[in-house]
């Protein structure tokens, strides 16, 4: 099916383009039937720093466990939290 696609307007600023796509459907501009999945392996997920107060003894035990696994203790905490949420 060769459906005529609408041409895209020229945007002066990224904010203008963002506003356009918030109020318009892309199906008139893109042939999604020809789309394919892509992998972007180098993208880092968005993170947010938090402050978490832990008892000193608990933090030392976490650091010891992380050291045994040869991983940073903050990474180990993230893994444990994710595992706990996946089980729930």
Protein backbone atom coordinates (compact mmCIF):
# COMPACT_ATOMS: atom_id res chain seq x y z
CA UNK A 1 0.00 0.00 0.00
CA UNK A 2 1.63 3.25 -1.16
CA UNK A 3 -0.05 5.88 0.94
CA UNK A 4 1.15 9.46 0.45
CA UNK A 5 3.01 10.70 3.51
CA UNK A 6 2.72 14.22 4.83
CA UNK A 7 5.86 16.33 4.73
CA UNK A 8 7.30 17.44 8.02
CA UNK A 9 7.39 21.12 8.89
CA UNK A 10 10.74 22.78 9.54
CA UNK A 11 11.29 23.51 13.22
CA UNK A 12 13.36 26.42 14.51
CA UNK A 13 13.78 24.98 17.99
CA UNK A 14 13.61 21.55 19.59
CA UNK A 15 10.82 22.85 21.83
CA UNK A 16 8.75 23.63 18.72
CA UNK A 17 9.23 20.11 17.42
CA UNK A 18 8.35 18.63 20.82
CA UNK A 19 5.14 20.68 20.91
CA UNK A 20 4.27 19.53 17.39
CA UNK A 21 4.65 15.82 18.19
CA UNK A 22 2.68 16.21 21.41
CA UNK A 23 -0.31 17.32 19.37
CA UNK A 24 0.09 15.29 16.12
CA UNK A 25 -0.02 11.60 15.24
CA UNK A 26 3.10 10.23 13.52
CA UNK A 27 1.18 7.79 11.32
CA UNK A 28 0.68 10.47 8.66
CA UNK A 29 4.43 11.03 8.46
CA UNK A 30 6.01 7.60 9.00
CA UNK A 31 5.33 4.25 7.36
CA UNK A 32 5.44 2.12 10.50
CA UNK A 33 4.96 -1.08 8.45
CA UNK A 34 8.59 -0.68 7.31
CA UNK A 35 9.92 -0.02 10.79
CA UNK A 36 12.35 -2.41 12.42
CA UNK A 37 13.60 -2.80 15.96
CA UNK A 38 17.01 -1.44 16.81
CA UNK A 39 19.29 -2.08 19.74
CA UNK A 40 21.02 0.77 21.47
CA UNK A 41 23.37 -1.10 23.80
CA UNK A 42 25.39 1.92 24.90
CA UNK A 43 22.47 3.86 26.35
CA UNK A 44 22.50 4.16 30.09
CA UNK A 45 19.19 4.05 31.93
CA UNK A 46 18.21 7.23 33.69
CA UNK A 47 19.18 7.24 37.32
CA UNK A 48 18.50 9.47 40.28
CA UNK A 49 20.72 9.87 43.29
CA UNK A 50 19.05 9.29 46.64
CA UNK A 51 20.20 9.55 50.20
CA UNK A 52 19.65 6.42 52.27
CA UNK A 53 20.55 6.20 55.93
CA UNK A 54 21.65 2.71 56.97
CA UNK A 55 22.95 1.45 60.28
CA UNK A 56 26.76 1.32 60.14
CA UNK A 57 26.76 -2.43 60.86
CA UNK A 58 24.34 -3.13 57.99
CA UNK A 59 26.39 -1.04 55.56
CA UNK A 60 29.59 -2.85 56.59
CA UNK A 61 27.89 -6.22 56.02
CA UNK A 62 26.72 -5.08 52.57
CA UNK A 63 30.22 -3.87 51.71
CA UNK A 64 31.67 -7.21 52.83
CA UNK A 65 29.16 -9.11 50.67
CA UNK A 66 29.97 -6.86 47.71
CA UNK A 67 33.70 -7.32 48.23
CA UNK A 68 33.28 -11.12 48.18
CA UNK A 69 31.46 -10.79 44.85
CA UNK A 70 33.99 -8.25 43.54
CA UNK A 71 31.30 -5.65 42.76
CA UNK A 72 30.73 -2.12 44.06
CA UNK A 73 28.46 -2.16 47.11
CA UNK A 74 26.01 0.33 45.56
CA UNK A 75 25.63 -1.95 42.53
CA UNK A 76 24.95 -4.90 44.81
CA UNK A 77 22.27 -2.94 46.66
CA UNK A 78 20.60 -2.12 43.30
CA UNK A 79 20.69 -5.78 42.25
CA UNK A 80 19.20 -6.91 45.55
CA UNK A 81 16.44 -4.31 45.38
CA UNK A 82 15.58 -5.27 41.80
CA UNK A 83 15.52 -8.98 42.71
CA UNK A 84 13.25 -8.31 45.67
CA UNK A 85 10.82 -6.33 43.52
CA UNK A 86 10.78 -9.05 40.83
CA UNK A 87 9.80 -11.65 43.44
CA UNK A 88 7.00 -9.53 44.91
